[in-house]
PDB file of all heavy atoms in Angstrom:
ATOM      1  N   GLN A   1    -195.648 -15.470 -43.726  1.00  0.00           N
ATOM      2  CA  GLN A   1    -195.120 -14.160 -44.081  1.00  0.00           C
ATOM      3  C   GLN A   1    -194.160 -13.648 -43.007  1.00  0.00           C
ATOM      4  O   GLN A   1    -193.051 -13.215 -43.305  1.00  0.00           O
ATOM      5  CB  GLN A   1    -196.249 -13.160 -44.285  1.00  0.00           C
ATOM      6  CG  GLN A   1    -195.746 -11.818 -44.776  1.00  0.00           C
ATOM      7  CD  GLN A   1    -196.881 -10.902 -45.215  1.00  0.00           C
ATOM      8  OE1 GLN A   1    -198.040 -11.271 -45.160  1.00  0.00           O
ATOM      9  NE2 GLN A   1    -196.528  -9.710 -45.647  1.00  0.00           N
ATOM     10  N   TYR A   2    -194.580 -13.714 -41.742  1.00  0.00           N
ATOM     11  CA  TYR A   2    -193.719 -13.274 -40.648  1.00  0.00           C
ATOM     12  C   TYR A   2    -192.477 -14.158 -40.530  1.00  0.00           C
ATOM     13  O   TYR A   2    -191.381 -13.662 -40.273  1.00  0.00           O
ATOM     14  CB  TYR A   2    -194.490 -13.251 -39.332  1.00  0.00           C
ATOM     15  CG  TYR A   2    -195.659 -12.303 -39.356  1.00  0.00           C
ATOM     16  CD1 TYR A   2    -196.964 -12.779 -39.322  1.00  0.00           C
ATOM     17  CD2 TYR A   2    -195.458 -10.924 -39.438  1.00  0.00           C
ATOM     18  CE1 TYR A   2    -198.043 -11.912 -39.356  1.00  0.00           C
ATOM     19  CE2 TYR A   2    -196.532 -10.048 -39.477  1.00  0.00           C
ATOM     20  CZ  TYR A   2    -197.822 -10.551 -39.442  1.00  0.00           C
ATOM     21  OH  TYR A   2    -198.880  -9.690 -39.486  1.00  0.00           O
ATOM     22  N   SER A   3    -192.671 -15.454 -40.714  1.00  0.00           N
ATOM     23  CA  SER A   3    -191.546 -16.395 -40.626  1.00  0.00           C
ATOM     24  C   SER A   3    -190.514 -16.117 -41.708  1.00  0.00           C
ATOM     25  O   SER A   3    -189.310 -16.224 -41.476  1.00  0.00           O
ATOM     26  CB  SER A   3    -192.043 -17.833 -40.736  1.00  0.00           C
ATOM     27  OG  SER A   3    -192.856 -18.157 -39.645  1.00  0.00           O
ATOM     28  N   THR A   4    -190.976 -15.751 -42.894  1.00  0.00           N
ATOM     29  CA  THR A   4    -190.053 -15.424 -43.987  1.00  0.00           C
ATOM     30  C   THR A   4    -189.195 -14.229 -43.614  1.00  0.00           C
ATOM     31  O   THR A   4    -187.970 -14.247 -43.787  1.00  0.00           O
ATOM     32  CB  THR A   4    -190.827 -15.140 -45.284  1.00  0.00           C
ATOM     33  OG1 THR A   4    -191.591 -16.298 -45.627  1.00  0.00           O
ATOM     34  CG2 THR A   4    -189.890 -14.799 -46.425  1.00  0.00           C
ATOM     35  N   TYR A   5    -189.820 -13.195 -43.087  1.00  0.00           N
ATOM     36  CA  TYR A   5    -189.060 -12.013 -42.658  1.00  0.00           C
ATOM     37  C   TYR A   5    -188.130 -12.353 -41.492  1.00  0.00           C
ATOM     38  O   TYR A   5    -186.983 -11.889 -41.450  1.00  0.00           O
ATOM     39  CB  TYR A   5    -189.997 -10.863 -42.273  1.00  0.00           C
ATOM     40  CG  TYR A   5    -190.591 -10.162 -43.455  1.00  0.00           C
ATOM     41  CD1 TYR A   5    -191.927 -10.352 -43.803  1.00  0.00           C
ATOM     42  CD2 TYR A   5    -189.823  -9.306 -44.235  1.00  0.00           C
ATOM     43  CE1 TYR A   5    -192.487  -9.696 -44.895  1.00  0.00           C
ATOM     44  CE2 TYR A   5    -190.372  -8.650 -45.333  1.00  0.00           C
ATOM     45  CZ  TYR A   5    -191.700  -8.846 -45.656  1.00  0.00           C
ATOM     46  OH  TYR A   5    -192.241  -8.207 -46.744  1.00  0.00           O
ATOM     47  N   LEU A   6    -188.611 -13.155 -40.565  1.00  0.00           N
ATOM     48  CA  LEU A   6    -187.788 -13.539 -39.419  1.00  0.00           C
ATOM     49  C   LEU A   6    -186.568 -14.339 -39.865  1.00  0.00           C
ATOM     50  O   LEU A   6    -185.433 -14.020 -39.493  1.00  0.00           O
ATOM     51  CB  LEU A   6    -188.612 -14.343 -38.407  1.00  0.00           C
ATOM     52  CG  LEU A   6    -187.846 -14.870 -37.201  1.00  0.00           C
ATOM     53  CD1 LEU A   6    -187.368 -13.710 -36.334  1.00  0.00           C
ATOM     54  CD2 LEU A   6    -188.711 -15.819 -36.394  1.00  0.00           C
ATOM     55  N   PHE A   7    -186.793 -15.387 -40.671  1.00  0.00           N
ATOM     56  CA  PHE A   7    -185.675 -16.209 -41.138  1.00  0.00           C
ATOM     57  C   PHE A   7    -184.702 -15.382 -41.970  1.00  0.00           C
ATOM     58  O   PHE A   7    -183.487 -15.508 -41.806  1.00  0.00           O
ATOM     59  CB  PHE A   7    -186.187 -17.414 -41.947  1.00  0.00           C
ATOM     60  CG  PHE A   7    -186.505 -18.610 -41.102  1.00  0.00           C
ATOM     61  CD1 PHE A   7    -187.767 -18.757 -40.553  1.00  0.00           C
ATOM     62  CD2 PHE A   7    -185.562 -19.583 -40.863  1.00  0.00           C
ATOM     63  CE1 PHE A   7    -188.073 -19.856 -39.767  1.00  0.00           C
ATOM     64  CE2 PHE A   7    -185.853 -20.685 -40.091  1.00  0.00           C
ATOM     65  CZ  PHE A   7    -187.113 -20.827 -39.537  1.00  0.00           C
ATOM     66  N   GLY A   8    -185.221 -14.552 -42.858  1.00  0.00           N
ATOM     67  CA  GLY A   8    -184.347 -13.727 -43.688  1.00  0.00           C
ATOM     68  C   GLY A   8    -183.512 -12.766 -42.868  1.00  0.00           C
ATOM     69  O   GLY A   8    -182.310 -12.615 -43.101  1.00  0.00           O
ATOM     70  N   THR A   9    -184.138 -12.130 -41.889  1.00  0.00           N
ATOM     71  CA  THR A   9    -183.418 -11.188 -41.026  1.00  0.00           C
ATOM     72  C   THR A   9    -182.354 -11.897 -40.196  1.00  0.00           C
ATOM     73  O   THR A   9    -181.220 -11.419 -40.079  1.00  0.00           O
ATOM     74  CB  THR A   9    -184.406 -10.439 -40.112  1.00  0.00           C
ATOM     75  OG1 THR A   9    -185.368  -9.765 -40.932  1.00  0.00           O
ATOM     76  CG2 THR A   9    -183.688  -9.437 -39.236  1.00  0.00           C
ATOM     77  N   VAL A  10    -182.708 -13.033 -39.634  1.00  0.00           N
ATOM     78  CA  VAL A  10    -181.739 -13.811 -38.852  1.00  0.00           C
ATOM     79  C   VAL A  10    -180.576 -14.244 -39.731  1.00  0.00           C
ATOM     80  O   VAL A  10    -179.415 -14.162 -39.328  1.00  0.00           O
ATOM     81  CB  VAL A  10    -182.413 -15.024 -38.168  1.00  0.00           C
ATOM     82  CG1 VAL A  10    -181.394 -16.012 -37.642  1.00  0.00           C
ATOM     83  CG2 VAL A  10    -183.328 -14.550 -37.046  1.00  0.00           C
ATOM     84  N   GLU A  11    -180.882 -14.691 -40.944  1.00  0.00           N
ATOM     85  CA  GLU A  11    -179.810 -15.116 -41.847  1.00  0.00           C
ATOM     86  C   GLU A  11    -178.872 -13.964 -42.185  1.00  0.00           C
ATOM     87  O   GLU A  11    -177.648 -14.139 -42.182  1.00  0.00           O
ATOM     88  CB  GLU A  11    -180.399 -15.705 -43.130  1.00  0.00           C
ATOM     89  CG  GLU A  11    -180.992 -17.074 -42.949  1.00  0.00           C
ATOM     90  CD  GLU A  11    -181.734 -17.575 -44.176  1.00  0.00           C
ATOM     91  OE1 GLU A  11    -182.133 -16.759 -45.044  1.00  0.00           O
ATOM     92  OE2 GLU A  11    -181.920 -18.802 -44.275  1.00  0.00           O
ATOM     93  N   VAL A  12    -179.419 -12.792 -42.446  1.00  0.00           N
ATOM     94  CA  VAL A  12    -178.576 -11.640 -42.791  1.00  0.00           C
ATOM     95  C   VAL A  12    -177.759 -11.187 -41.582  1.00  0.00           C
ATOM     96  O   VAL A  12    -176.533 -11.054 -41.668  1.00  0.00           O
ATOM     97  CB  VAL A  12    -179.423 -10.462 -43.343  1.00  0.00           C
ATOM     98  CG1 VAL A  12    -178.586  -9.196 -43.443  1.00  0.00           C
ATOM     99  CG2 VAL A  12    -180.004 -10.815 -44.691  1.00  0.00           C
ATOM    100  N   VAL A  13    -178.414 -10.961 -40.455  1.00  0.00           N
ATOM    101  CA  VAL A  13    -177.723 -10.412 -39.281  1.00  0.00           C
ATOM    102  C   VAL A  13    -176.715 -11.417 -38.719  1.00  0.00           C
ATOM    103  O   VAL A  13    -175.530 -11.087 -38.546  1.00  0.00           O
ATOM    104  CB  VAL A  13    -178.731  -9.967 -38.199  1.00  0.00           C
ATOM    105  CG1 VAL A  13    -178.016  -9.577 -36.919  1.00  0.00           C
ATOM    106  CG2 VAL A  13    -179.579  -8.804 -38.713  1.00  0.00           C
ATOM    107  N   ALA A  14    -177.161 -12.626 -38.438  1.00  0.00           N
ATOM    108  CA  ALA A  14    -176.243 -13.633 -37.876  1.00  0.00           C
ATOM    109  C   ALA A  14    -175.166 -14.001 -38.889  1.00  0.00           C
ATOM    110  O   ALA A  14    -174.006 -14.236 -38.515  1.00  0.00           O
ATOM    111  CB  ALA A  14    -177.018 -14.863 -37.428  1.00  0.00           C
ATOM    112  N   GLY A  15    -175.527 -14.033 -40.168  1.00  0.00           N
ATOM    113  CA  GLY A  15    -174.536 -14.324 -41.205  1.00  0.00           C
ATOM    114  C   GLY A  15    -173.452 -13.262 -41.262  1.00  0.00           C
ATOM    115  O   GLY A  15    -172.262 -13.571 -41.371  1.00  0.00           O
ATOM    116  N   MET A  16    -173.841 -11.995 -41.190  1.00  0.00           N
ATOM    117  CA  MET A  16    -172.852 -10.910 -41.210  1.00  0.00           C
ATOM    118  C   MET A  16    -171.974 -10.941 -39.964  1.00  0.00           C
ATOM    119  O   MET A  16    -170.761 -10.723 -40.045  1.00  0.00           O
ATOM    120  CB  MET A  16    -173.542  -9.552 -41.336  1.00  0.00           C
ATOM    121  CG  MET A  16    -174.185  -9.305 -42.690  1.00  0.00           C
ATOM    122  SD  MET A  16    -173.037  -9.415 -44.073  1.00  0.00           S
ATOM    123  CE  MET A  16    -172.012  -7.998 -43.760  1.00  0.00           C
ATOM    124  N   LEU A  17    -172.588 -11.202 -38.808  1.00  0.00           N
ATOM    125  CA  LEU A  17    -171.797 -11.305 -37.574  1.00  0.00           C
ATOM    126  C   LEU A  17    -170.805 -12.461 -37.662  1.00  0.00           C
ATOM    127  O   LEU A  17    -169.653 -12.341 -37.244  1.00  0.00           O
ATOM    128  CB  LEU A  17    -172.712 -11.472 -36.363  1.00  0.00           C
ATOM    129  CG  LEU A  17    -173.550 -10.258 -35.982  1.00  0.00           C
ATOM    130  CD1 LEU A  17    -174.551 -10.616 -34.881  1.00  0.00           C
ATOM    131  CD2 LEU A  17    -172.668  -9.099 -35.545  1.00  0.00           C
ATOM    132  N   LEU A  18    -171.255 -13.566 -38.226  1.00  0.00           N
ATOM    133  CA  LEU A  18    -170.372 -14.721 -38.408  1.00  0.00           C
ATOM    134  C   LEU A  18    -169.264 -14.383 -39.396  1.00  0.00           C
ATOM    135  O   LEU A  18    -168.098 -14.731 -39.171  1.00  0.00           O
ATOM    136  CB  LEU A  18    -171.208 -15.900 -38.908  1.00  0.00           C
ATOM    137  CG  LEU A  18    -170.726 -17.310 -38.652  1.00  0.00           C
ATOM    138  CD1 LEU A  18    -170.579 -17.576 -37.160  1.00  0.00           C
ATOM    139  CD2 LEU A  18    -171.694 -18.306 -39.263  1.00  0.00           C
ATOM    140  N   LEU A  19    -169.608 -13.707 -40.462  1.00  0.00           N
ATOM    141  CA  LEU A  19    -168.644 -13.347 -41.499  1.00  0.00           C
ATOM    142  C   LEU A  19    -167.485 -12.537 -40.940  1.00  0.00           C
ATOM    143  O   LEU A  19    -166.326 -12.815 -41.228  1.00  0.00           O
ATOM    144  CB  LEU A  19    -169.353 -12.567 -42.609  1.00  0.00           C
ATOM    145  CG  LEU A  19    -168.511 -12.114 -43.795  1.00  0.00           C
ATOM    146  CD1 LEU A  19    -168.097 -13.301 -44.640  1.00  0.00           C
ATOM    147  CD2 LEU A  19    -169.281 -11.118 -44.626  1.00  0.00           C
ATOM    148  N   VAL A  20    -167.780 -11.538 -40.117  1.00  0.00           N
ATOM    149  CA  VAL A  20    -166.722 -10.675 -39.584  1.00  0.00           C
ATOM    150  C   VAL A  20    -166.154 -11.186 -38.259  1.00  0.00           C
ATOM    151  O   VAL A  20    -165.133 -10.693 -37.799  1.00  0.00           O
ATOM    152  CB  VAL A  20    -167.191  -9.210 -39.433  1.00  0.00           C
ATOM    153  CG1 VAL A  20    -167.562  -8.638 -40.781  1.00  0.00           C
ATOM    154  CG2 VAL A  20    -168.324  -9.067 -38.452  1.00  0.00           C
ATOM    155  N   GLY A  21    -166.816 -12.154 -37.661  1.00  0.00           N
ATOM    156  CA  GLY A  21    -166.284 -12.752 -36.445  1.00  0.00           C
ATOM    157  C   GLY A  21    -166.621 -12.003 -35.176  1.00  0.00           C
ATOM    158  O   GLY A  21    -165.773 -11.818 -34.309  1.00  0.00           O
ATOM    159  N   ILE A  22    -167.856 -11.534 -35.072  1.00  0.00           N
ATOM    160  CA  ILE A  22    -168.336 -10.906 -33.843  1.00  0.00           C
ATOM    161  C   ILE A  22    -169.479 -11.767 -33.316  1.00  0.00           C
ATOM    162  O   ILE A  22    -170.354 -12.165 -34.082  1.00  0.00           O
ATOM    163  CB  ILE A  22    -168.838  -9.469 -34.093  1.00  0.00           C
ATOM    164  CG1 ILE A  22    -167.710  -8.599 -34.632  1.00  0.00           C
ATOM    165  CG2 ILE A  22    -169.416  -8.863 -32.821  1.00  0.00           C
ATOM    166  CD1 ILE A  22    -168.139  -7.210 -35.024  1.00  0.00           C
ATOM    167  N   PHE A  23    -169.477 -12.024 -32.021  1.00  0.00           N
ATOM    168  CA  PHE A  23    -170.482 -12.910 -31.418  1.00  0.00           C
ATOM    169  C   PHE A  23    -170.580 -14.220 -32.208  1.00  0.00           C
ATOM    170  O   PHE A  23    -171.671 -14.716 -32.511  1.00  0.00           O
ATOM    171  CB  PHE A  23    -171.859 -12.235 -31.334  1.00  0.00           C
ATOM    172  CG  PHE A  23    -171.869 -10.950 -30.580  1.00  0.00           C
ATOM    173  CD1 PHE A  23    -172.142  -9.748 -31.222  1.00  0.00           C
ATOM    174  CD2 PHE A  23    -171.576 -10.926 -29.225  1.00  0.00           C
ATOM    175  CE1 PHE A  23    -172.140  -8.550 -30.524  1.00  0.00           C
ATOM    176  CE2 PHE A  23    -171.570  -9.734 -28.517  1.00  0.00           C
ATOM    177  CZ  PHE A  23    -171.856  -8.547 -29.165  1.00  0.00           C
ATOM    178  N   THR A  24    -169.431 -14.766 -32.519  1.00  0.00           N
ATOM    179  CA  THR A  24    -169.345 -15.926 -33.399  1.00  0.00           C
ATOM    180  C   THR A  24    -170.142 -17.113 -32.886  1.00  0.00           C
ATOM    181  O   THR A  24    -170.938 -17.702 -33.629  1.00  0.00           O
ATOM    182  CB  THR A  24    -167.869 -16.344 -33.571  1.00  0.00           C
ATOM    183  OG1 THR A  24    -167.155 -15.237 -34.112  1.00  0.00           O
ATOM    184  CG2 THR A  24    -167.732 -17.545 -34.477  1.00  0.00           C
ATOM    185  N   ARG A  25    -169.940 -17.467 -31.642  1.00  0.00           N
ATOM    186  CA  ARG A  25    -170.633 -18.651 -31.116  1.00  0.00           C
ATOM    187  C   ARG A  25    -172.141 -18.424 -31.040  1.00  0.00           C
ATOM    188  O   ARG A  25    -172.924 -19.316 -31.341  1.00  0.00           O
ATOM    189  CB  ARG A  25    -170.052 -19.034 -29.763  1.00  0.00           C
ATOM    190  CG  ARG A  25    -168.686 -19.689 -29.908  1.00  0.00           C
ATOM    191  CD  ARG A  25    -168.181 -20.229 -28.572  1.00  0.00           C
ATOM    192  NE  ARG A  25    -167.121 -21.168 -28.778  1.00  0.00           N
ATOM    193  CZ  ARG A  25    -165.835 -20.888 -28.604  1.00  0.00           C
ATOM    194  NH1 ARG A  25    -165.463 -19.675 -28.238  1.00  0.00           N
ATOM    195  NH2 ARG A  25    -164.925 -21.816 -28.795  1.00  0.00           N
ATOM    196  N   TRP A  26    -172.562 -17.230 -30.637  1.00  0.00           N
ATOM    197  CA  TRP A  26    -173.997 -16.932 -30.585  1.00  0.00           C
ATOM    198  C   TRP A  26    -174.609 -16.968 -31.981  1.00  0.00           C
ATOM    199  O   TRP A  26    -175.703 -17.490 -32.180  1.00  0.00           O
ATOM    200  CB  TRP A  26    -174.253 -15.575 -29.922  1.00  0.00           C
ATOM    201  CG  TRP A  26    -174.131 -15.646 -28.437  1.00  0.00           C
ATOM    202  CD1 TRP A  26    -173.109 -15.161 -27.676  1.00  0.00           C
ATOM    203  CD2 TRP A  26    -175.046 -16.259 -27.529  1.00  0.00           C
ATOM    204  NE1 TRP A  26    -173.333 -15.438 -26.352  1.00  0.00           N
ATOM    205  CE2 TRP A  26    -174.519 -16.111 -26.228  1.00  0.00           C
ATOM    206  CE3 TRP A  26    -176.253 -16.924 -27.683  1.00  0.00           C
ATOM    207  CZ2 TRP A  26    -175.153 -16.592 -25.105  1.00  0.00           C
ATOM    208  CZ3 TRP A  26    -176.891 -17.409 -26.550  1.00  0.00           C
ATOM    209  CH2 TRP A  26    -176.345 -17.245 -25.284  1.00  0.00           C
ATOM    210  N   SER A  27    -173.913 -16.389 -32.943  1.00  0.00           N
ATOM    211  CA  SER A  27    -174.414 -16.379 -34.317  1.00  0.00           C
ATOM    212  C   SER A  27    -174.542 -17.796 -34.861  1.00  0.00           C
ATOM    213  O   SER A  27    -175.559 -18.149 -35.469  1.00  0.00           O
ATOM    214  CB  SER A  27    -173.481 -15.569 -35.216  1.00  0.00           C
ATOM    215  OG  SER A  27    -173.380 -14.249 -34.767  1.00  0.00           O
ATOM    216  N   ALA A  28    -173.517 -18.604 -34.635  1.00  0.00           N
ATOM    217  CA  ALA A  28    -173.558 -19.996 -35.095  1.00  0.00           C
ATOM    218  C   ALA A  28    -174.702 -20.740 -34.414  1.00  0.00           C
ATOM    219  O   ALA A  28    -175.413 -21.530 -35.055  1.00  0.00           O
ATOM    220  CB  ALA A  28    -172.226 -20.686 -34.817  1.00  0.00           C
ATOM    221  N   PHE A  29    -174.901 -20.481 -33.135  1.00  0.00           N
ATOM    222  CA  PHE A  29    -175.965 -21.150 -32.384  1.00  0.00           C
ATOM    223  C   PHE A  29    -177.352 -20.783 -32.918  1.00  0.00           C
ATOM    224  O   PHE A  29    -178.193 -21.651 -33.151  1.00  0.00           O
ATOM    225  CB  PHE A  29    -175.858 -20.799 -30.895  1.00  0.00           C
ATOM    226  CG  PHE A  29    -176.911 -21.423 -30.042  1.00  0.00           C
ATOM    227  CD1 PHE A  29    -176.903 -22.791 -29.795  1.00  0.00           C
ATOM    228  CD2 PHE A  29    -177.912 -20.652 -29.479  1.00  0.00           C
ATOM    229  CE1 PHE A  29    -177.887 -23.377 -29.009  1.00  0.00           C
ATOM    230  CE2 PHE A  29    -178.896 -21.230 -28.689  1.00  0.00           C
ATOM    231  CZ  PHE A  29    -178.885 -22.594 -28.452  1.00  0.00           C
ATOM    232  N   VAL A  30    -177.574 -19.496 -33.151  1.00  0.00           N
ATOM    233  CA  VAL A  30    -178.880 -19.037 -33.649  1.00  0.00           C
ATOM    234  C   VAL A  30    -179.150 -19.612 -35.040  1.00  0.00           C
ATOM    235  O   VAL A  30    -180.254 -20.099 -35.319  1.00  0.00           O
ATOM    236  CB  VAL A  30    -178.951 -17.496 -33.648  1.00  0.00           C
ATOM    237  CG1 VAL A  30    -180.148 -16.994 -34.421  1.00  0.00           C
ATOM    238  CG2 VAL A  30    -178.972 -16.967 -32.218  1.00  0.00           C
ATOM    239  N   LEU A  31    -178.157 -19.554 -35.911  1.00  0.00           N
ATOM    240  CA  LEU A  31    -178.331 -20.121 -37.251  1.00  0.00           C
ATOM    241  C   LEU A  31    -178.559 -21.632 -37.193  1.00  0.00           C
ATOM    242  O   LEU A  31    -179.372 -22.183 -37.938  1.00  0.00           O
ATOM    243  CB  LEU A  31    -177.119 -19.795 -38.125  1.00  0.00           C
ATOM    244  CG  LEU A  31    -176.987 -18.336 -38.550  1.00  0.00           C
ATOM    245  CD1 LEU A  31    -175.610 -18.059 -39.140  1.00  0.00           C
ATOM    246  CD2 LEU A  31    -178.086 -17.962 -39.529  1.00  0.00           C
TER     247      LEU A  31
END
């Protein structure tokens, strides 16, 4: 349950950062 929320949150936040190009390398690394 916690992992689902964690993965989903990481996907949304890092995905949005990647989409707009902020903290690109960090976002790509985390994903």
